[in-house]
C-alpha atoms as a PDB file:
ATOM      1  CA  MET A   1      -0.383   0.176   0.068  1.00  0.00           C
ATOM      2  CA  THR A   2       1.582   3.259  -1.005  1.00  0.00           C
ATOM      3  CA  HIS A   3       2.024   6.038   1.489  1.00  0.00           C
ATOM      4  CA  ALA A   4      -0.068   8.432   0.126  1.00  0.00           C
ATOM      5  CA  LEU A   5      -3.321   6.124   0.609  1.00  0.00           C
ATOM      6  CA  GLN A   6      -2.101   5.540   4.036  1.00  0.00           C
ATOM      7  CA  ARG A   7      -2.173   9.695   4.443  1.00  0.00           C
ATOM      8  CA  PHE A   8      -5.181   9.486   2.865  1.00  0.00           C
ATOM      9  CA  ILE A   9      -6.803   6.926   5.287  1.00  0.00           C
ATOM     10  CA  ARG A  10      -5.329   8.545   8.185  1.00  0.00           C
ATOM     11  CA  LEU A  11      -7.144  11.461   7.082  1.00  0.00           C
ATOM     12  CA  CYS A  12     -10.525  10.257   6.896  1.00  0.00           C
ATOM     13  CA  ALA A  13     -10.520   8.269   9.466  1.00  0.00           C
ATOM     14  CA  ARG A  14      -9.896  11.978  11.821  1.00  0.00           C
ATOM     15  CA  ARG A  15     -11.627  13.835   9.131  1.00  0.00           C
ATOM     16  CA  SER A  16     -15.125  14.325  11.724  1.00  0.00           C
ATOM     17  CA  ALA A  17     -12.360  15.473  14.464  1.00  0.00           C
ATOM     18  CA  THR A  18     -12.857  18.993  15.353  1.00  0.00           C
ATOM     19  CA  GLY A  19     -11.905  21.252  17.647  1.00  0.00           C
ATOM     20  CA  SER A  20      -8.155  22.327  17.106  1.00  0.00           C
ATOM     21  CA  PRO A  21      -6.650  24.613  14.126  1.00  0.00           C
ATOM     22  CA  GLY A  22      -4.797  21.001  13.016  1.00  0.00           C
ATOM     23  CA  GLN A  23      -7.163  18.790  13.380  1.00  0.00           C
ATOM     24  CA  GLU A  24      -9.391  21.390  11.122  1.00  0.00           C
ATOM     25  CA  ARG A  25      -6.258  21.359   8.513  1.00  0.00           C
ATOM     26  CA  GLU A  26      -6.807  17.738   8.629  1.00  0.00           C
ATOM     27  CA  HIS A  27     -10.147  17.852   7.659  1.00  0.00           C
ATOM     28  CA  THR A  28      -9.674  20.228   4.692  1.00  0.00           C
ATOM     29  CA  ASP A  29      -6.563  17.798   3.488  1.00  0.00           C
ATOM     30  CA  ALA A  30      -8.568  14.758   3.340  1.00  0.00           C
ATOM     31  CA  THR A  31     -11.597  16.585   1.329  1.00  0.00           C
ATOM     32  CA  MET A  32      -9.114  17.697  -0.610  1.00  0.00           C
ATOM     33  CA  LEU A  33      -7.637  13.916  -1.603  1.00  0.00           C
ATOM     34  CA  LEU A  34     -10.728  12.595  -2.319  1.00  0.00           C
ATOM     35  CA  PRO A  35     -10.520  13.641  -6.038  1.00  0.00           C
ATOM     36  CA  LEU A  36      -7.523  11.587  -6.269  1.00  0.00           C
ATOM     37  CA  LEU A  37      -8.746   7.985  -4.722  1.00  0.00           C
ATOM     38  CA  PRO A  38      -9.653   6.552  -8.223  1.00  0.00           C
ATOM     39  CA  LEU A  39      -5.665   7.263  -9.505  1.00  0.00           C
ATOM     40  CA  ILE A  40      -4.731   6.018  -6.131  1.00  0.00           C
ATOM     41  CA  LEU A  41      -6.277   2.916  -6.318  1.00  0.00           C
ATOM     42  CA  PHE A  42      -5.143   2.582 -10.209  1.00  0.00           C
ATOM     43  CA  ILE A  43      -1.601   3.556  -9.358  1.00  0.00           C
ATOM     44  CA  ILE A  44      -1.483   0.469  -6.622  1.00  0.00           C
ATOM     45  CA  GLY A  45      -3.140  -1.962  -9.019  1.00  0.00           C
ATOM     46  CA  SER A  46      -0.993  -1.380 -12.040  1.00  0.00           C
ATOM     47  CA  THR A  47       2.007  -1.454  -9.626  1.00  0.00           C
ATOM     48  CA  GLU A  48       1.517  -4.565  -6.957  1.00  0.00           C
ATOM     49  CA  PRO A  49       0.684  -7.343  -9.317  1.00  0.00           C
ATOM     50  CA  THR A  50       4.457  -7.156 -10.496  1.00  0.00           C
ATOM     51  CA  PRO A  51       6.112  -8.695  -7.644  1.00  0.00           C
ATOM     52  CA  THR A  52       9.535  -6.667  -6.531  1.00  0.00           C
ATOM     53  CA  SER A  53      11.533  -9.466  -6.941  1.00  0.00           C
ATOM     54  CA  THR A  54      10.776 -10.545 -10.565  1.00  0.00           C
ATOM     55  CA  ILE A  55      12.017  -6.833 -11.950  1.00  0.00           C
ATOM     56  CA  THR A  56      15.196  -6.832  -9.630  1.00  0.00           C
ATOM     57  CA  TYR A  57      18.322  -8.846  -8.638  1.00  0.00           C
ATOM     58  CA  GLN A  58      20.844  -9.020  -6.286  1.00  0.00           C
ATOM     59  CA  TYR A  59      24.249  -8.322  -7.236  1.00  0.00           C
ATOM     60  CA  ASP A  60      27.754  -8.577  -4.635  1.00  0.00           C
ATOM     61  CA  ASP A  61      29.110  -5.267  -6.238  1.00  0.00           C
ATOM     62  CA  PRO A  62      32.863  -5.807  -6.311  1.00  0.00           C
ATOM     63  CA  ALA A  63      33.776  -2.454  -5.574  1.00  0.00           C
ATOM     64  CA  THR A  64      32.606  -1.588  -2.825  1.00  0.00           C
ATOM     65  CA  GLY A  65      31.059  -4.910  -0.999  1.00  0.00           C
ATOM     66  CA  LEU A  66      27.927  -4.123  -0.413  1.00  0.00           C
ATOM     67  CA  VAL A  67      24.993  -6.499  -1.473  1.00  0.00           C
ATOM     68  CA  LEU A  68      22.982  -4.361  -4.294  1.00  0.00           C
ATOM     69  CA  THR A  69      19.032  -4.414  -5.389  1.00  0.00           C
ATOM     70  CA  CYS A  70      19.398  -3.895  -9.367  1.00  0.00           C
ATOM     71  CA  ASP A  71      16.701  -3.502 -11.939  1.00  0.00           C
ATOM     72  CA  ARG A  72      16.526  -6.609 -14.376  1.00  0.00           C
ATOM     73  CA  CYS A  73      15.923  -5.586 -18.201  1.00  0.00           C
ATOM     74  CA  PRO A  74      12.645  -6.211 -19.362  1.00  0.00           C
ATOM     75  CA  PRO A  75      11.358  -8.447 -22.270  1.00  0.00           C
ATOM     76  CA  GLY A  76      12.833  -8.062 -25.684  1.00  0.00           C
ATOM     77  CA  SER A  77      16.723  -6.216 -24.232  1.00  0.00           C
ATOM     78  CA  TYR A  78      20.136  -7.731 -21.889  1.00  0.00           C
ATOM     79  CA  MET A  79      21.806  -6.887 -19.217  1.00  0.00           C
ATOM     80  CA  LEU A  80      24.821  -5.238 -20.793  1.00  0.00           C
ATOM     81  CA  ALA A  81      26.308  -3.515 -17.462  1.00  0.00           C
ATOM     82  CA  HIS A  82      25.341  -3.988 -13.572  1.00  0.00           C
ATOM     83  CA  CYS A  83      23.729  -1.346 -11.535  1.00  0.00           C
ATOM     84  CA  SER A  84      26.186   0.194  -8.736  1.00  0.00           C
ATOM     85  CA  ALA A  85      26.320   2.066  -5.846  1.00  0.00           C
ATOM     86  CA  ARG A  86      25.744   5.292  -8.116  1.00  0.00           C
ATOM     87  CA  THR A  87      24.272   4.060 -11.297  1.00  0.00           C
ATOM     88  CA  ARG A  88      21.188   2.107 -12.365  1.00  0.00           C
ATOM     89  CA  THR A  89      21.456  -1.341 -15.070  1.00  0.00           C
ATOM     90  CA  VAL A  90      22.384  -0.883 -18.488  1.00  0.00           C
ATOM     91  CA  CYS A  91      20.292  -2.660 -20.842  1.00  0.00           C
ATOM     92  CA  ALA A  92      20.287  -2.866 -24.581  1.00  0.00           C
ATOM     93  CA  PRO A  93      17.913  -4.168 -26.864  1.00  0.00           C
ATOM     94  CA  CYS A  94      17.731  -7.687 -28.535  1.00  0.00           C
ATOM     95  CA  PRO A  95      19.920  -8.025 -31.952  1.00  0.00           C
ATOM     96  CA  PRO A  96      18.171  -9.926 -34.670  1.00  0.00           C
ATOM     97  CA  GLY A  97      17.440 -13.305 -34.293  1.00  0.00           C
ATOM     98  CA  HIS A  98      17.755 -12.739 -30.446  1.00  0.00           C
ATOM     99  CA  PHE A  99      15.027 -12.608 -28.010  1.00  0.00           C
ATOM    100  CA  THR A 100      14.476 -12.604 -24.253  1.00  0.00           C
ATOM    101  CA  GLN A 101      10.901 -13.122 -23.177  1.00  0.00           C
ATOM    102  CA  ARG A 102      10.883 -12.268 -19.706  1.00  0.00           C
ATOM    103  CA  TRP A 103      12.630  -9.326 -17.509  1.00  0.00           C
ATOM    104  CA  ASN A 104      15.954 -10.625 -17.122  1.00  0.00           C
ATOM    105  CA  TYR A 105      19.907  -9.901 -16.230  1.00  0.00           C
ATOM    106  CA  LEU A 106      21.556 -12.083 -19.067  1.00  0.00           C
ATOM    107  CA  SER A 107      24.314 -11.348 -20.498  1.00  0.00           C
ATOM    108  CA  ARG A 108      22.844 -11.989 -24.107  1.00  0.00           C
ATOM    109  CA  CYS A 109      19.661 -12.517 -25.863  1.00  0.00           C
ATOM    110  CA  LEU A 110      18.541 -16.005 -26.328  1.00  0.00           C
ATOM    111  CA  TYR A 111      18.941 -17.245 -29.903  1.00  0.00           C
ATOM    112  CA  CYS A 112      16.264 -18.138 -31.912  1.00  0.00           C
ATOM    113  CA  SER A 113      14.776 -21.186 -33.302  1.00  0.00           C
ATOM    114  CA  VAL A 114      16.216 -21.563 -36.724  1.00  0.00           C
ATOM    115  CA  ALA A 115      14.131 -24.750 -37.504  1.00  0.00           C
ATOM    116  CA  CYS A 116      10.722 -26.353 -36.406  1.00  0.00           C
ATOM    117  CA  GLY A 117      10.406 -30.347 -35.856  1.00  0.00           C
ATOM    118  CA  GLU A 118       9.620 -32.878 -37.822  1.00  0.00           C
ATOM    119  CA  ASN A 119       6.232 -31.958 -39.458  1.00  0.00           C
ATOM    120  CA  GLN A 120       5.987 -28.866 -38.326  1.00  0.00           C
ATOM    121  CA  VAL A 121       6.028 -25.162 -39.763  1.00  0.00           C
ATOM    122  CA  VAL A 122       6.044 -21.536 -38.382  1.00  0.00           C
ATOM    123  CA  LYS A 123       2.958 -19.926 -37.202  1.00  0.00           C
ATOM    124  CA  GLU A 124       5.251 -16.999 -35.754  1.00  0.00           C
ATOM    125  CA  GLU A 125       7.876 -15.653 -37.231  1.00  0.00           C
ATOM    126  CA  CYS A 126      10.893 -14.519 -33.990  1.00  0.00           C
ATOM    127  CA  SER A 127      10.821 -11.221 -32.560  1.00  0.00           C
ATOM    128  CA  PRO A 128      13.173  -9.551 -30.066  1.00  0.00           C
ATOM    129  CA  LEU A 129      10.205 -10.384 -27.466  1.00  0.00           C
ATOM    130  CA  ARG A 130       9.766 -14.195 -28.174  1.00  0.00           C
ATOM    131  CA  ASN A 131      11.055 -16.990 -29.641  1.00  0.00           C
ATOM    132  CA  THR A 132       9.940 -18.638 -32.830  1.00  0.00           C
ATOM    133  CA  VAL A 133       6.756 -20.550 -32.684  1.00  0.00           C
ATOM    134  CA  CYS A 134       5.918 -23.634 -34.136  1.00  0.00           C
ATOM    135  CA  GLU A 135       2.523 -25.499 -34.876  1.00  0.00           C
ATOM    136  CA  CYS A 136       1.780 -28.911 -36.586  1.00  0.00           C
ATOM    137  CA  ARG A 137       1.838 -28.806 -39.943  1.00  0.00           C
ATOM    138  CA  ARG A 138      -1.749 -29.842 -42.181  1.00  0.00           C
ATOM    139  CA  GLY A 139      -2.920 -33.020 -41.681  1.00  0.00           C
ATOM    140  CA  TYR A 140      -1.291 -33.332 -38.097  1.00  0.00           C
ATOM    141  CA  TYR A 141      -1.253 -32.727 -34.535  1.00  0.00           C
ATOM    142  CA  MET A 142       0.357 -32.512 -31.486  1.00  0.00           C
ATOM    143  CA  TYR A 143       0.732 -35.529 -29.378  1.00  0.00           C
ATOM    144  CA  TYR A 144       3.063 -34.922 -26.203  1.00  0.00           C
ATOM    145  CA  ASP A 145       5.964 -33.358 -28.119  1.00  0.00           C
ATOM    146  CA  LEU A 146       5.843 -35.060 -31.433  1.00  0.00           C
ATOM    147  CA  CYS A 147       3.236 -33.994 -34.380  1.00  0.00           C
ATOM    148  CA  ARG A 148       1.170 -37.242 -35.468  1.00  0.00           C
ATOM    149  CA  ARG A 149      -0.757 -37.591 -38.781  1.00  0.00           C
ATOM    150  CA  HIS A 150      -4.943 -37.159 -38.120  1.00  0.00           C
ATOM    151  CA  SER A 151      -7.111 -40.430 -37.716  1.00  0.00           C
ATOM    152  CA  GLU A 152      -8.430 -41.535 -40.852  1.00  0.00           C
ATOM    153  CA  CYS A 153     -12.073 -42.627 -40.425  1.00  0.00           C
ATOM    154  CA  SER A 154     -12.905 -46.465 -40.711  1.00  0.00           C
ATOM    155  CA  PRO A 155     -15.663 -47.188 -42.894  1.00  0.00           C
ATOM    156  CA  GLY A 156     -19.343 -46.560 -41.844  1.00  0.00           C
ATOM    157  CA  HIS A 157     -17.671 -43.694 -39.856  1.00  0.00           C
ATOM    158  CA  GLY A 158     -17.373 -39.810 -41.335  1.00  0.00           C
ATOM    159  CA  VAL A 159     -16.129 -37.144 -39.775  1.00  0.00           C
ATOM    160  CA  ALA A 160     -17.931 -35.198 -36.365  1.00  0.00           C
ATOM    161  CA  LEU A 161     -14.646 -32.633 -36.024  1.00  0.00           C
ATOM    162  CA  ARG A 162     -12.235 -32.042 -38.444  1.00  0.00           C
ATOM    163  CA  GLY A 163      -9.126 -32.425 -36.892  1.00  0.00           C
ATOM    164  CA  SER A 164      -6.684 -29.005 -35.910  1.00  0.00           C
ATOM    165  CA  ALA A 165      -2.820 -28.466 -35.508  1.00  0.00           C
ATOM    166  CA  TYR A 166      -3.951 -29.074 -31.716  1.00  0.00           C
ATOM    167  CA  GLN A 167      -6.152 -32.332 -31.631  1.00  0.00           C
ATOM    168  CA  ASN A 168      -7.045 -35.155 -33.354  1.00  0.00           C
ATOM    169  CA  THR A 169     -10.222 -36.335 -35.921  1.00  0.00           C
ATOM    170  CA  VAL A 170     -13.135 -37.043 -34.058  1.00  0.00           C
ATOM    171  CA  CYS A 171     -14.691 -39.536 -35.922  1.00  0.00           C
ATOM    172  CA  GLU A 172     -18.495 -41.046 -35.647  1.00  0.00           C
ATOM    173  CA  LYS A 173     -20.980 -43.823 -36.890  1.00  0.00           C
ATOM    174  CA  CYS A 174     -23.376 -42.829 -39.576  1.00  0.00           C
ATOM    175  CA  PRO A 175     -26.477 -42.370 -38.691  1.00  0.00           C
ATOM    176  CA  ARG A 176     -29.465 -44.684 -40.454  1.00  0.00           C
ATOM    177  CA  GLY A 177     -29.377 -43.337 -44.431  1.00  0.00           C
ATOM    178  CA  THR A 178     -26.290 -42.146 -44.472  1.00  0.00           C
ATOM    179  CA  TYR A 179     -22.515 -43.378 -45.670  1.00  0.00           C
ATOM    180  CA  SER A 180     -19.266 -43.324 -45.077  1.00  0.00           C
ATOM    181  CA  PRO A 181     -16.553 -45.215 -47.131  1.00  0.00           C
ATOM    182  CA  GLY A 182     -13.719 -44.402 -44.605  1.00  0.00           C
ATOM    183  CA  GLY A 183     -10.083 -43.624 -45.064  1.00  0.00           C
ATOM    184  CA  SER A 184     -11.112 -39.708 -44.666  1.00  0.00           C
ATOM    185  CA  SER A 185      -9.861 -36.943 -42.033  1.00  0.00           C
ATOM    186  CA  GLY A 186     -12.043 -34.199 -43.221  1.00  0.00           C
ATOM    187  CA  ALA A 187     -15.152 -36.349 -45.077  1.00  0.00           C
ATOM    188  CA  ALA A 188     -18.832 -36.056 -42.814  1.00  0.00           C
ATOM    189  CA  CYS A 189     -21.411 -38.987 -43.539  1.00  0.00           C
ATOM    190  CA  ALA A 190     -23.343 -37.810 -46.026  1.00  0.00           C
ATOM    191  CA  SER A 191     -27.059 -39.114 -46.998  1.00  0.00           C
ATOM    192  CA  HIS A 192     -28.105 -42.186 -49.199  1.00  0.00           C
ATOM    193  CA  THR A 193     -28.482 -40.501 -52.969  1.00  0.00           C
ATOM    194  CA  ASP A 194     -32.652 -40.763 -53.615  1.00  0.00           C
ATOM    195  CA  CYS A 195     -32.081 -43.014 -56.829  1.00  0.00           C
ATOM    196  CA  ALA A 196     -36.201 -42.228 -57.985  1.00  0.00           C
ATOM    197  CA  SER A 197     -35.823 -38.996 -57.580  1.00  0.00           C
ATOM    198  CA  ARG A 198     -33.200 -38.610 -60.666  1.00  0.00           C
ATOM    199  CA  GLY A 199     -35.632 -41.293 -62.526  1.00  0.00           C
ATOM    200  CA  LEU A 200     -33.035 -44.400 -61.431  1.00  0.00           C
ATOM    201  CA  VAL A 201     -33.325 -47.872 -60.912  1.00  0.00           C
ATOM    202  CA  LEU A 202     -32.160 -48.477 -56.892  1.00  0.00           C
ATOM    203  CA  LEU A 203     -29.982 -51.319 -57.999  1.00  0.00           C
ATOM    204  CA  LEU A 204     -28.408 -52.283 -54.046  1.00  0.00           C
ATOM    205  CA  LYS A 205     -29.702 -50.402 -50.985  1.00  0.00           C
ATOM    206  CA  GLY A 206     -26.602 -48.381 -49.696  1.00  0.00           C
ATOM    207  CA  THR A 207     -25.356 -49.252 -46.210  1.00  0.00           C
ATOM    208  CA  ASP A 208     -23.238 -47.074 -43.715  1.00  0.00           C
ATOM    209  CA  TRP A 209     -19.839 -48.124 -45.743  1.00  0.00           C
ATOM    210  CA  HIS A 210     -21.263 -47.167 -49.699  1.00  0.00           C
ATOM    211  CA  ASP A 211     -24.145 -45.366 -51.466  1.00  0.00           C
ATOM    212  CA  ASN A 212     -27.150 -46.469 -52.558  1.00  0.00           C
ATOM    213  CA  LEU A 213     -26.507 -48.250 -56.271  1.00  0.00           C
ATOM    214  CA  CYS A 214     -28.582 -46.521 -58.765  1.00  0.00           C
ATOM    215  CA  ALA A 215     -28.716 -46.870 -62.696  1.00  0.00           C
ATOM    216  CA  THR A 216     -30.835 -46.418 -65.763  1.00  0.00           C
ATOM    217  CA  CYS A 217     -32.602 -48.610 -67.602  1.00  0.00           C
ATOM    218  CA  GLN A 218     -29.592 -48.517 -70.567  1.00  0.00           C
ATOM    219  CA  GLU A 219     -26.823 -49.217 -67.976  1.00  0.00           C
ATOM    220  CA  LEU A 220     -29.068 -52.186 -66.869  1.00  0.00           C
ATOM    221  CA  GLN A 221     -29.674 -53.854 -70.792  1.00  0.00           C
ATOM    222  CA  ALA A 222     -25.747 -52.910 -71.556  1.00  0.00           C
ATOM    223  CA  GLY A 223     -25.188 -55.315 -67.651  1.00  0.00           C
ATOM    224  CA  GLY A 224     -23.872 -52.115 -65.948  1.00  0.00           C
ATOM    225  CA  GLY A 225     -25.136 -53.708 -63.065  1.00  0.00           C
ATOM    226  CA  LEU A 226     -21.889 -55.626 -62.380  1.00  0.00           C
ATOM    227  CA  GLN A 227     -19.874 -52.593 -63.091  1.00  0.00           C
ATOM    228  CA  LEU A 228     -21.671 -50.676 -60.487  1.00  0.00           C
ATOM    229  CA  LEU A 229     -20.902 -53.088 -57.515  1.00  0.00           C
ATOM    230  CA  ARG A 230     -17.020 -53.600 -58.900  1.00  0.00           C
ATOM    231  CA  GLY A 231     -16.739 -49.937 -58.223  1.00  0.00           C
ATOM    232  CA  ILE A 232     -17.182 -51.024 -54.488  1.00  0.00           C
ATOM    233  CA  LEU A 233     -15.799 -54.177 -54.217  1.00  0.00           C
ATOM    234  CA  PRO A 234     -12.506 -52.970 -52.802  1.00  0.00           C
ATOM    235  CA  ASP A 235     -14.535 -51.438 -50.097  1.00  0.00           C
ATOM    236  CA  PHE A 236     -16.848 -54.262 -49.499  1.00  0.00           C
ATOM    237  CA  PHE A 237     -13.380 -56.089 -48.462  1.00  0.00           C
ATOM    238  CA  GLY A 238     -11.760 -53.690 -46.959  1.00  0.00           C
ATOM    239  CA  ARG A 239     -14.501 -54.276 -44.541  1.00  0.00           C
ATOM    240  CA  GLN A 240     -14.138 -57.393 -43.441  1.00  0.00           C
ATOM    241  CA  LYS A 241     -13.028 -58.546 -41.033  1.00  0.00           C
ATOM    242  CA  ILE A 242     -10.426 -61.319 -42.517  1.00  0.00           C
ATOM    243  CA  ASN A 243      -7.495 -62.613 -40.489  1.00  0.00           C
ATOM    244  CA  LYS A 244      -3.897 -61.457 -42.550  1.00  0.00           C
ATOM    245  CA  ASN A 245      -3.426 -64.731 -43.132  1.00  0.00           C
ATOM    246  CA  LYS A 246      -5.894 -66.465 -44.647  1.00  0.00           C
ATOM    247  CA  LEU A 247      -6.344 -62.984 -46.677  1.00  0.00           C
ATOM    248  CA  VAL A 248      -2.786 -64.007 -47.735  1.00  0.00           C
ATOM    249  CA  ARG A 249      -3.762 -67.143 -48.811  1.00  0.00           C
ATOM    250  CA  PHE A 250      -6.541 -66.417 -50.718  1.00  0.00           C
ATOM    251  CA  VAL A 251      -4.491 -63.539 -53.257  1.00  0.00           C
ATOM    252  CA  LYS A 252      -1.716 -66.515 -53.513  1.00  0.00           C
ATOM    253  CA  LYS A 253      -3.881 -68.990 -54.482  1.00  0.00           C
ATOM    254  CA  SER A 254      -6.834 -67.560 -56.568  1.00  0.00           C
ATOM    255  CA  LEU A 255      -5.314 -64.329 -57.722  1.00  0.00           C
ATOM    256  CA  LEU A 256      -1.961 -64.806 -58.257  1.00  0.00           C
ATOM    257  CA  ARG A 257      -2.122 -68.410 -59.970  1.00  0.00           C
ATOM    258  CA  ARG A 258      -1.845 -66.788 -63.835  1.00  0.00           C
ATOM    259  CA  HIS A 259       1.254 -65.362 -62.353  1.00  0.00           C
ATOM    260  CA  HIS A 260       3.623 -68.043 -61.751  1.00  0.00           C
ATOM    261  CA  GLY A 261       6.585 -66.823 -59.560  1.00  0.00           C
ATOM    262  CA  ALA A 262       5.005 -63.645 -58.283  1.00  0.00           C
ATOM    263  CA  SER A 263       5.723 -62.557 -55.065  1.00  0.00           C
ATOM    264  CA  VAL A 264       2.656 -61.894 -52.723  1.00  0.00           C
ATOM    265  CA  PRO A 265       2.135 -57.814 -52.397  1.00  0.00           C
ATOM    266  CA  ARG A 266       2.686 -56.267 -48.669  1.00  0.00           C
ATOM    267  CA  ASP A 267      -0.735 -55.088 -48.564  1.00  0.00           C
ATOM    268  CA  PRO A 268      -3.063 -58.019 -49.259  1.00  0.00           C
ATOM    269  CA  LEU A 269      -6.206 -55.867 -49.823  1.00  0.00           C
ATOM    270  CA  ALA A 270      -4.673 -53.102 -52.259  1.00  0.00           C
ATOM    271  CA  HIS A 271      -3.827 -56.249 -54.575  1.00  0.00           C
ATOM    272  CA  ILE A 272      -7.469 -57.290 -53.929  1.00  0.00           C
ATOM    273  CA  GLY A 273      -8.672 -53.693 -55.035  1.00  0.00           C
ATOM    274  CA  GLU A 274      -6.581 -53.461 -58.253  1.00  0.00           C
ATOM    275  CA  TRP A 275      -7.201 -56.949 -59.041  1.00  0.00           C
ATOM    276  CA  CYS A 276     -11.451 -56.332 -58.822  1.00  0.00           C
ATOM    277  CA  LYS A 277     -10.918 -53.103 -60.862  1.00  0.00           C
ATOM    278  CA  ASN A 278      -9.005 -55.076 -63.960  1.00  0.00           C
ATOM    279  CA  ALA A 279     -11.093 -58.581 -63.564  1.00  0.00           C
ATOM    280  CA  ASP A 280     -13.656 -59.046 -66.718  1.00  0.00           C
ATOM    281  CA  GLU A 281     -17.048 -60.086 -65.730  1.00  0.00           C
ATOM    282  CA  THR A 282     -16.241 -63.787 -65.801  1.00  0.00           C
ATOM    283  CA  GLU A 283     -13.865 -63.508 -62.997  1.00  0.00           C
ATOM    284  CA  LEU A 284     -15.900 -61.539 -61.311  1.00  0.00           C
ATOM    285  CA  ARG A 285     -18.673 -63.692 -61.158  1.00  0.00           C
ATOM    286  CA  LYS A 286     -16.190 -66.791 -60.033  1.00  0.00           C
ATOM    287  CA  LEU A 287     -15.173 -64.624 -56.885  1.00  0.00           C
ATOM    288  CA  PRO A 288     -17.689 -65.945 -55.132  1.00  0.00           C
ATOM    289  CA  ALA A 289     -16.491 -69.476 -55.476  1.00  0.00           C
ATOM    290  CA  MET A 290     -12.966 -68.477 -54.859  1.00  0.00           C
ATOM    291  CA  LEU A 291     -13.878 -67.555 -51.655  1.00  0.00           C
ATOM    292  CA  ARG A 292     -15.055 -70.950 -50.770  1.00  0.00           C
ATOM    293  CA  ARG A 293     -11.713 -72.202 -51.639  1.00  0.00           C
ATOM    294  CA  SER A 294     -10.083 -70.365 -49.335  1.00  0.00           C
ATOM    295  CA  ASN A 295     -12.294 -71.286 -47.014  1.00  0.00           C
ATOM    296  CA  LEU A 296     -13.828 -68.289 -46.810  1.00  0.00           C
ATOM    297  CA  HIS A 297     -17.312 -68.767 -47.089  1.00  0.00           C
ATOM    298  CA  HIS A 298     -18.973 -66.520 -44.700  1.00  0.00           C
ATOM    299  CA  ILE A 299     -17.304 -63.655 -47.228  1.00  0.00           C
ATOM    300  CA  ALA A 300     -18.308 -65.425 -49.937  1.00  0.00           C
ATOM    301  CA  GLU A 301     -22.311 -65.874 -49.165  1.00  0.00           C
ATOM    302  CA  LYS A 302     -22.315 -62.361 -48.529  1.00  0.00           C
ATOM    303  CA  LEU A 303     -20.787 -61.104 -51.601  1.00  0.00           C
ATOM    304  CA  GLU A 304     -23.069 -63.991 -53.482  1.00  0.00           C
ATOM    305  CA  LYS A 305     -26.040 -61.993 -52.412  1.00  0.00           C
ATOM    306  CA  LYS A 306     -25.040 -58.657 -53.957  1.00  0.00           C
ATOM    307  CA  LEU A 307     -23.895 -60.181 -57.111  1.00  0.00           C
ATOM    308  CA  ASN A 308     -27.783 -62.156 -57.430  1.00  0.00           C
ATOM    309  CA  ILE A 309     -29.335 -58.848 -56.993  1.00  0.00           C
ATOM    310  CA  VAL A 310     -27.344 -56.849 -59.474  1.00  0.00           C
ATOM    311  CA  THR A 311     -27.879 -59.731 -61.785  1.00  0.00           C
ATOM    312  CA  ASN A 312     -31.128 -60.354 -61.516  1.00  0.00           C
ATOM    313  CA  VAL A 313     -32.867 -57.115 -62.100  1.00  0.00           C
ATOM    314  CA  SER A 314     -34.740 -56.410 -65.227  1.00  0.00           C
ATOM    315  CA  PRO A 315     -32.885 -54.094 -67.743  1.00  0.00           C
ATOM    316  CA  CYS A 316     -36.082 -51.668 -67.214  1.00  0.00           C
ATOM    317  CA  ASP A 317     -38.691 -52.616 -64.541  1.00  0.00           C
ATOM    318  CA  PRO A 318     -37.061 -50.150 -61.889  1.00  0.00           C
ATOM    319  CA  GLU A 319     -39.772 -52.370 -59.528  1.00  0.00           C
ATOM    320  CA  SER A 320     -37.599 -55.483 -59.886  1.00  0.00           C
ATOM    321  CA  ALA A 321     -34.695 -53.979 -58.541  1.00  0.00           C
ATOM    322  CA  VAL A 322     -36.301 -53.102 -55.129  1.00  0.00           C
ATOM    323  CA  LYS A 323     -38.819 -56.517 -55.048  1.00  0.00           C
ATOM    324  CA  SER A 324     -34.963 -58.310 -55.687  1.00  0.00           C
ATOM    325  CA  GLU A 325     -33.715 -56.944 -53.018  1.00  0.00           C
ATOM    326  CA  SER A 326     -36.091 -56.585 -50.737  1.00  0.00           C
ATOM    327  CA  ARG A 327     -36.049 -60.496 -50.873  1.00  0.00           C
ATOM    328  CA  THR A 328     -32.568 -61.114 -50.266  1.00  0.00           C
ATOM    329  CA  VAL A 329     -31.425 -58.257 -47.838  1.00  0.00           C
ATOM    330  CA  LEU A 330     -33.148 -57.468 -44.664  1.00  0.00           C
ATOM    331  CA  GLY A 331     -33.521 -53.800 -43.858  1.00  0.00           C
ATOM    332  CA  PRO A 332     -30.983 -51.129 -44.210  1.00  0.00           C
ATOM    333  CA  SER A 333     -27.407 -53.539 -44.351  1.00  0.00           C
ATOM    334  CA  THR A 334     -24.167 -52.358 -42.902  1.00  0.00           C
ATOM    335  CA  GLU A 335     -22.666 -55.962 -44.228  1.00  0.00           C
END
């Protein structure tokens, strides 16, 4: 508390006293100080939060042997010379490429960081008051002291909250009537396409991981149903819970037969996806049988259902697609 405020309070406490000329004078002084009360309180409020120890330091003066209380240098500067019994601390501004962030008595400023860490970019350039500020680059977030890639949502799950430099992607399960093929850190669940509103035939009802498959009568006449199914087969296999060893055996036994000496790829799912894109219609129709030969019966059965739906639709009878599917798939499938 400042001396002025202490005196002001003392005078106010005695302002009601009367009698002697001295007491009347103190009463007058208190009245004159009253308009200064806001200023006094402001000065106290602006100075008291900073403890003296943060802006001063103790220095053993070799010239006198005394312990002196010297002023620290403000942020953005450094101590050029200690104080003495007659002079104050001499401070100098930080040169380019250097900084000090706090009150200090450093003999030199700190070096700015010249480079950010792995998968980081500069958010704010270095200044005399602060070091270079780095953050994770786009597509990454800070996890402890490392930048990690944003997680991709799995099939059937869409992005509820996009990842930032400080938070990972937040995924949510796609609600009824929506889907997401997964493999994205930025795409939310999308609504199933309304085939009828576009004058198209509903060929295969959508699930939480693929859209409704819609087709025109012309596409169905040209056998386009199988071609549309081809487009979701890579995601179909990615959706299944298959032991990796079984998957490798399936690829080696059924998909690499024509390539003698070919090595099994490290990513069998990627190889299956590529095979599905390039296989002819006859090979696609044989796919369930190929799965059964590798003892993947459950997956073969699910794929066969979808094949039957898309290949048994009457070319220009929109109702047949819906009827065929209703006989095979009960409700919105997640397979």
